[in-house]
Protein backbone atom coordinates (compact mmCIF):
# COMPACT_ATOMS: atom_id res chain seq x y z
CA MET A 1 -16.72 -2.81 10.76
CA LEU A 2 -15.16 -6.04 9.63
CA ASP A 3 -16.34 -9.21 11.41
CA LEU A 4 -13.14 -10.99 12.37
CA ASP A 5 -14.95 -14.33 12.56
CA HIS A 6 -16.39 -14.08 9.04
CA PRO A 7 -14.93 -16.65 6.59
CA MET A 8 -13.98 -13.88 4.11
CA THR A 9 -11.96 -11.88 6.63
CA GLN A 10 -8.63 -13.61 5.94
CA HIS A 11 -9.06 -13.00 2.20
CA ILE A 12 -9.98 -9.35 2.72
CA PHE A 13 -6.86 -8.90 4.87
CA ALA A 14 -4.73 -10.65 2.23
CA ALA A 15 -6.12 -8.31 -0.46
CA SER A 16 -5.50 -5.32 1.79
CA GLY A 17 -1.88 -6.36 2.32
CA ALA A 18 -1.27 -6.76 -1.42
CA LYS A 19 -2.96 -3.43 -2.16
CA ASP A 20 -0.93 -1.66 0.53
CA ARG A 21 2.36 -3.09 -0.72
CA VAL A 22 1.54 -1.79 -4.21
CA LEU A 23 0.71 1.63 -2.74
CA GLN A 24 4.00 1.78 -0.81
CA ARG A 25 5.98 0.87 -3.93
CA ALA A 26 4.03 3.43 -5.97
CA LYS A 27 4.91 6.13 -3.44
CA ARG A 28 8.59 5.27 -3.84
CA MET A 29 8.19 5.13 -7.63
CA THR A 30 7.04 8.76 -7.68
CA LEU A 31 10.49 9.82 -6.46
CA ALA A 32 12.75 7.34 -8.22
CA SER A 33 14.70 7.27 -11.46
CA SER A 34 13.11 5.55 -14.44
CA GLN A 35 15.42 2.56 -14.00
CA GLN A 36 14.33 2.14 -10.37
CA ARG A 37 10.67 2.66 -11.32
CA LEU A 38 10.86 -0.29 -13.68
CA LYS A 39 12.27 -2.50 -10.92
CA MET A 40 9.48 -1.45 -8.55
CA LEU A 41 6.88 -1.99 -11.27
CA GLU A 42 8.19 -5.52 -11.72
CA ALA A 43 8.01 -6.08 -7.95
CA CYS A 44 4.34 -5.00 -8.01
CA GLY A 45 3.61 -7.88 -10.39
CA ALA A 46 3.50 -10.49 -7.62
CA ASP A 47 0.97 -8.46 -5.61
CA LEU A 48 -1.17 -7.78 -8.68
CA GLU A 49 -1.20 -11.52 -9.40
CA LYS A 50 -2.03 -12.23 -5.72
CA MET A 51 -5.05 -9.92 -6.04
CA ARG A 52 -6.14 -11.68 -9.24
CA GLN A 53 -5.79 -15.05 -7.52
CA LEU A 54 -7.79 -13.89 -4.51
CA ASN A 55 -10.50 -12.61 -6.84
CA ARG A 56 -10.66 -15.91 -8.75
CA GLU A 57 -10.67 -18.08 -5.65
CA HIS A 58 -12.62 -16.08 -3.07
CA PHE A 59 -14.48 -13.16 -4.69
CA LYS A 60 -16.42 -15.07 -7.37
CA ALA A 61 -14.12 -13.87 -10.16
CA SER A 62 -15.69 -10.42 -9.99
CA PRO A 63 -15.38 -8.59 -13.32
CA PHE A 64 -15.33 -5.31 -11.34
CA ILE A 65 -12.26 -6.43 -9.37
CA PHE A 66 -10.46 -7.77 -12.45
CA GLU A 67 -11.05 -4.45 -14.25
CA ALA A 68 -9.82 -2.46 -11.24
CA ILE A 69 -6.64 -4.58 -11.05
CA ASP A 70 -6.07 -4.05 -14.78
CA GLU A 71 -6.58 -0.29 -14.30
CA LEU A 72 -4.11 -0.31 -11.40
CA GLU A 73 -1.53 -2.17 -13.48
CA ALA A 74 -1.96 0.29 -16.38
CA ALA A 75 -1.63 3.25 -13.99
CA LEU A 76 1.56 1.77 -12.51
CA GLN A 77 2.96 1.35 -16.02
CA THR A 78 2.13 4.99 -16.75
CA LEU A 79 3.84 6.05 -13.52
CA ALA A 80 6.93 4.02 -14.43
CA ALA A 81 7.08 5.53 -17.94
CA LEU A 82 6.73 9.23 -17.01
CA LYS A 83 9.03 11.51 -19.01
CA LYS A 84 9.33 8.71 -21.58
CA GLY A 85 11.39 6.64 -19.15
CA ALA A 86 14.21 9.17 -19.07
CA ILE A 87 14.16 10.27 -15.41
CA ILE A 88 17.66 10.04 -13.98
CA GLU A 89 17.10 11.95 -10.73
CA ASP A 90 16.21 10.24 -7.48
CA LYS A 91 14.32 12.46 -5.04
CA SER A 92 13.80 9.87 -2.30
CA ASN A 93 15.18 12.36 0.20
CA GLY A 94 12.04 14.46 -0.37
CA GLU A 95 13.91 17.61 -1.27
CA GLY A 96 12.76 19.80 -4.12
CA HIS A 97 10.33 18.93 -6.86
CA CYS A 98 9.08 15.69 -8.36
CA PRO A 99 11.33 14.37 -11.13
CA GLY A 100 8.26 13.17 -13.04
CA CYS A 101 5.90 16.15 -13.01
CA GLY A 102 7.76 19.01 -11.33
CA THR A 103 5.35 19.62 -8.44
CA GLN A 104 6.54 20.06 -4.86
CA ILE A 105 7.19 16.73 -3.13
CA THR A 106 4.91 15.84 -0.21
CA LYS A 107 6.94 15.17 2.94
CA PHE A 108 5.64 14.79 6.47
CA LYS A 109 6.37 12.85 9.63
CA THR A 110 3.97 10.80 11.73
CA ASN A 111 4.46 9.11 15.06
CA SER A 112 3.12 5.58 15.04
CA LEU A 113 3.52 2.23 16.71
CA SER A 114 6.78 0.53 15.83
CA ARG A 115 7.34 -3.00 14.60
CA ALA A 116 8.94 -3.71 17.97
CA TYR A 117 5.56 -3.17 19.66
CA PHE A 118 3.89 -5.69 17.37
CA GLU A 119 6.70 -8.19 17.93
CA ARG A 120 6.39 -7.69 21.69
CA THR A 121 2.61 -8.22 21.71
CA LYS A 122 1.98 -10.82 18.98
CA HIS A 123 2.21 -13.77 21.36
CA LEU A 124 -0.28 -12.36 23.86
CA GLN A 125 -3.66 -14.05 24.22
CA LYS A 126 -6.88 -12.47 25.48
CA GLU A 127 -6.95 -15.09 28.21
CA ASP A 128 -3.59 -13.95 29.63
CA GLU A 129 -3.86 -12.50 33.12
CA ASN A 130 -2.29 -9.13 32.25
CA PHE A 131 -3.51 -8.95 28.65
CA MET A 132 -4.83 -5.38 28.69
CA GLU A 133 -1.88 -4.04 30.66
CA SER A 134 0.60 -5.80 28.35
CA MET A 135 -1.14 -4.46 25.25
CA MET A 136 -0.91 -0.84 26.39
CA PRO A 137 1.74 0.88 24.29
CA GLN A 138 4.68 2.38 26.13
CA PRO A 139 6.39 5.61 24.99
CA SER A 140 9.25 3.52 23.62
CA ASP A 141 6.79 1.63 21.37
CA PHE A 142 6.37 4.65 19.09
CA GLU A 143 8.61 5.77 16.26
CA ASP A 144 8.69 8.62 13.79
CA ARG A 145 7.96 7.68 10.19
CA TRP A 146 8.52 9.89 7.19
CA HIS A 147 6.02 9.88 4.36
CA ILE A 148 7.62 11.13 1.16
CA TYR A 149 5.99 10.99 -2.28
CA CYS A 150 4.62 13.07 -5.13
CA ASP A 151 0.93 13.56 -4.49
CA LYS A 152 0.16 14.52 -8.09
CA CYS A 153 1.88 11.46 -9.59
CA LEU A 154 0.32 9.19 -6.97
CA ASP A 155 -3.08 10.42 -8.17
CA LEU A 156 -2.51 8.25 -11.26
CA ILE A 157 -3.17 5.07 -9.25
CA MET A 158 -5.67 6.30 -6.67
CA PRO A 159 -8.89 5.76 -8.67
CA ALA A 160 -8.03 2.09 -9.22
CA LEU A 161 -7.01 1.62 -5.57
CA GLY A 162 -10.28 3.24 -4.52
CA LYS A 163 -12.24 0.77 -6.63
CA LEU A 164 -10.37 -2.16 -5.12
CA ALA A 165 -11.05 -0.89 -1.59
CA SER A 166 -14.76 -0.28 -2.24
CA PRO A 167 -17.70 -2.53 -1.31
CA GLU A 168 -17.81 -3.73 -4.94
CA GLY A 169 -14.10 -4.54 -4.71
CA PHE A 170 -12.26 -6.27 -1.86
CA CYS A 171 -14.12 -4.28 0.84
CA THR A 172 -10.85 -3.17 2.43
CA ASP A 173 -12.37 0.23 3.25
CA PHE A 174 -14.00 -1.50 6.21
CA ILE A 175 -10.77 -2.58 7.88
């Protein structure tokens, strides 16, 4: 369990956010055309640099973390270049097979808290009289979310993401 009062907590959360944004882009990359993959790869650059900066400034310039970020960047480049950069199909709708490797696309729906819930509750303070009651989600606070990606292609980046999440990495497994 992460200690919210620990001085490293904000940096661990920042690393987790950057890592999660890369993961979300990578999921979309698995379904996109090569042209779109290159744009998403470029967009990942800012988050990769953010992770490098966090490592330099707050994680003692860990060689392990730098290597994991480099591995993640290389894996993203591999993902972007599948089929020699000649993928023209976009399978973002989740129908059919992956344009990169030909396996069946993973597509499922979850029901989770919406952004509206977090907007509604972000101003609340523990000291507020009705804090617990106000924090209780209402049925309208939930929304369906689709998860669509190629599991096999996503496996290209998962080892590096696992290293970054580990205790030797940014410790985001504990969030």
